[in-house]
Amino acid sequence: MCTQFGDIQIGITMGYAFSRQFPVAVEQLVQAADKAMYVAKRSGKGRTCAASAQSDTE
């Protein structure tokens, strides 16, 4: 990105969650996305990781 102060680089590491069941508790989605984010971070810079909000027993 070019700014008035010079070029800067922006990177992102992201975790996200989804559910095929409805309704799903927002807390479940947030927890799953949080876990996915840390998996992505451990994998390196600029990574994305998806997680299902389903319970571990399913």
N, C-alpha and C. Protein backbone atom coordinates (compact mmCIF):
# COMPACT_ATOMS: atom_id res chain seq x y z
N MET A 1 0.85 -1.16 0.00
CA MET A 1 0.00 0.00 0.00
C MET A 1 0.90 1.22 0.00
N CYS A 2 0.59 2.15 -0.82
CA CYS A 2 1.36 3.38 -0.92
C CYS A 2 0.67 4.47 -0.09
N THR A 3 1.42 5.10 0.81
CA THR A 3 0.89 6.18 1.63
C THR A 3 1.74 7.42 1.42
N GLN A 4 1.34 8.50 2.02
CA GLN A 4 2.12 9.73 1.92
C GLN A 4 3.46 9.60 2.63
N PHE A 5 3.59 8.59 3.50
CA PHE A 5 4.83 8.37 4.24
C PHE A 5 5.70 7.29 3.61
N GLY A 6 5.23 6.69 2.54
CA GLY A 6 5.96 5.62 1.86
C GLY A 6 5.13 4.36 1.76
N ASP A 7 5.75 3.35 1.22
CA ASP A 7 5.06 2.07 1.05
C ASP A 7 5.00 1.31 2.36
N ILE A 8 3.87 0.68 2.62
CA ILE A 8 3.73 -0.19 3.78
C ILE A 8 3.14 -1.52 3.32
N GLN A 9 3.44 -2.57 4.05
CA GLN A 9 2.89 -3.89 3.75
C GLN A 9 1.91 -4.28 4.85
N ILE A 10 0.81 -4.83 4.43
CA ILE A 10 -0.20 -5.29 5.37
C ILE A 10 -0.40 -6.78 5.13
N GLY A 11 -0.36 -7.56 6.20
CA GLY A 11 -0.59 -8.99 6.10
C GLY A 11 -1.70 -9.42 7.04
N ILE A 12 -2.23 -10.59 6.79
CA ILE A 12 -3.31 -11.09 7.63
C ILE A 12 -3.16 -12.59 7.84
N THR A 13 -3.41 -13.01 9.05
CA THR A 13 -3.58 -14.42 9.39
C THR A 13 -4.96 -14.52 10.00
N MET A 14 -5.77 -15.42 9.48
CA MET A 14 -7.18 -15.41 9.84
C MET A 14 -7.72 -16.80 10.12
N GLY A 15 -8.58 -16.87 11.11
CA GLY A 15 -9.34 -18.07 11.37
C GLY A 15 -10.82 -17.75 11.27
N TYR A 16 -11.59 -18.65 10.70
CA TYR A 16 -13.03 -18.42 10.61
C TYR A 16 -13.76 -19.72 10.86
N ALA A 17 -15.03 -19.60 11.20
CA ALA A 17 -15.83 -20.77 11.53
C ALA A 17 -17.15 -20.74 10.77
N PHE A 18 -17.70 -21.93 10.59
CA PHE A 18 -18.99 -22.07 9.92
C PHE A 18 -19.77 -23.18 10.59
N SER A 19 -21.05 -23.22 10.33
CA SER A 19 -21.89 -24.28 10.85
C SER A 19 -22.91 -24.67 9.81
N ARG A 20 -23.14 -25.94 9.66
CA ARG A 20 -24.19 -26.43 8.75
C ARG A 20 -25.48 -26.68 9.49
N GLN A 21 -25.44 -26.48 10.80
CA GLN A 21 -26.64 -26.63 11.61
C GLN A 21 -27.19 -25.26 11.94
N PHE A 22 -28.52 -25.17 12.00
CA PHE A 22 -29.14 -23.92 12.38
C PHE A 22 -30.24 -24.23 13.36
N PRO A 23 -30.38 -23.51 14.43
CA PRO A 23 -29.54 -22.40 14.85
C PRO A 23 -28.25 -22.89 15.49
N VAL A 24 -27.28 -22.02 15.57
CA VAL A 24 -26.02 -22.31 16.23
C VAL A 24 -25.71 -21.14 17.16
N ALA A 25 -25.17 -21.44 18.32
CA ALA A 25 -24.84 -20.40 19.29
C ALA A 25 -23.66 -19.57 18.79
N VAL A 26 -23.78 -18.28 18.93
CA VAL A 26 -22.70 -17.38 18.52
C VAL A 26 -21.41 -17.73 19.26
N GLU A 27 -21.53 -18.12 20.51
CA GLU A 27 -20.35 -18.48 21.30
C GLU A 27 -19.60 -19.65 20.68
N GLN A 28 -20.35 -20.61 20.14
CA GLN A 28 -19.71 -21.76 19.46
C GLN A 28 -18.92 -21.31 18.25
N LEU A 29 -19.50 -20.41 17.47
CA LEU A 29 -18.81 -19.91 16.28
C LEU A 29 -17.56 -19.13 16.66
N VAL A 30 -17.67 -18.29 17.67
CA VAL A 30 -16.52 -17.48 18.10
C VAL A 30 -15.40 -18.38 18.62
N GLN A 31 -15.74 -19.37 19.43
CA GLN A 31 -14.72 -20.29 19.95
C GLN A 31 -14.04 -21.07 18.84
N ALA A 32 -14.82 -21.56 17.88
CA ALA A 32 -14.24 -22.30 16.77
C ALA A 32 -13.34 -21.41 15.91
N ALA A 33 -13.78 -20.18 15.66
CA ALA A 33 -12.97 -19.24 14.88
C ALA A 33 -11.69 -18.89 15.61
N ASP A 34 -11.76 -18.74 16.92
CA ASP A 34 -10.57 -18.42 17.73
C ASP A 34 -9.56 -19.56 17.65
N LYS A 35 -10.04 -20.79 17.78
CA LYS A 35 -9.14 -21.94 17.67
C LYS A 35 -8.51 -22.00 16.28
N ALA A 36 -9.32 -21.74 15.25
CA ALA A 36 -8.81 -21.76 13.87
C ALA A 36 -7.75 -20.69 13.67
N MET A 37 -7.94 -19.53 14.29
CA MET A 37 -6.96 -18.45 14.15
C MET A 37 -5.61 -18.88 14.71
N TYR A 38 -5.61 -19.53 15.87
CA TYR A 38 -4.35 -19.95 16.46
C TYR A 38 -3.69 -21.08 15.66
N VAL A 39 -4.49 -21.94 15.05
CA VAL A 39 -3.92 -22.96 14.15
C VAL A 39 -3.25 -22.26 12.97
N ALA A 40 -3.92 -21.26 12.40
CA ALA A 40 -3.36 -20.51 11.28
C ALA A 40 -2.07 -19.81 11.69
N LYS A 41 -2.05 -19.21 12.87
CA LYS A 41 -0.84 -18.52 13.35
C LYS A 41 0.34 -19.49 13.50
N ARG A 42 0.07 -20.67 14.01
CA ARG A 42 1.14 -21.66 14.17
C ARG A 42 1.66 -22.15 12.82
N SER A 43 0.82 -22.04 11.80
CA SER A 43 1.21 -22.50 10.46
C SER A 43 2.09 -21.50 9.73
N GLY A 44 2.13 -20.26 10.19
CA GLY A 44 2.97 -19.26 9.55
C GLY A 44 2.19 -18.02 9.17
N LYS A 45 2.93 -17.04 8.69
CA LYS A 45 2.31 -15.76 8.31
C LYS A 45 1.46 -15.92 7.06
N GLY A 46 0.43 -15.09 6.98
CA GLY A 46 -0.40 -15.05 5.78
C GLY A 46 -1.23 -16.29 5.56
N ARG A 47 -1.64 -16.95 6.63
CA ARG A 47 -2.41 -18.20 6.50
C ARG A 47 -3.87 -17.97 6.86
N THR A 48 -4.72 -18.86 6.36
CA THR A 48 -6.13 -18.87 6.69
C THR A 48 -6.51 -20.29 7.11
N CYS A 49 -7.36 -20.40 8.12
CA CYS A 49 -7.79 -21.71 8.59
C CYS A 49 -9.29 -21.65 8.88
N ALA A 50 -10.00 -22.67 8.45
CA ALA A 50 -11.44 -22.76 8.69
C ALA A 50 -11.72 -23.83 9.74
N ALA A 51 -12.80 -23.64 10.49
CA ALA A 51 -13.20 -24.63 11.48
C ALA A 51 -14.71 -24.75 11.48
N SER A 52 -15.18 -25.94 11.74
CA SER A 52 -16.61 -26.16 11.89
C SER A 52 -17.00 -25.89 13.33
N ALA A 53 -18.15 -25.31 13.54
CA ALA A 53 -18.63 -25.05 14.89
C ALA A 53 -19.31 -26.27 15.49
N GLN A 54 -19.25 -27.42 14.83
CA GLN A 54 -19.84 -28.64 15.34
C GLN A 54 -19.04 -29.13 16.54
N SER A 55 -19.69 -29.85 17.42
CA SER A 55 -18.99 -30.37 18.60
C SER A 55 -18.00 -31.45 18.18
N ASP A 56 -17.03 -31.70 19.04
CA ASP A 56 -16.01 -32.70 18.75
C ASP A 56 -16.57 -34.12 18.70
N THR A 57 -17.75 -34.32 19.26
CA THR A 57 -18.31 -35.67 19.29
C THR A 57 -19.08 -36.00 18.03
N GLU A 58 -19.31 -35.03 17.17
CA GLU A 58 -20.07 -35.29 15.92
C GLU A 58 -19.16 -35.79 14.83
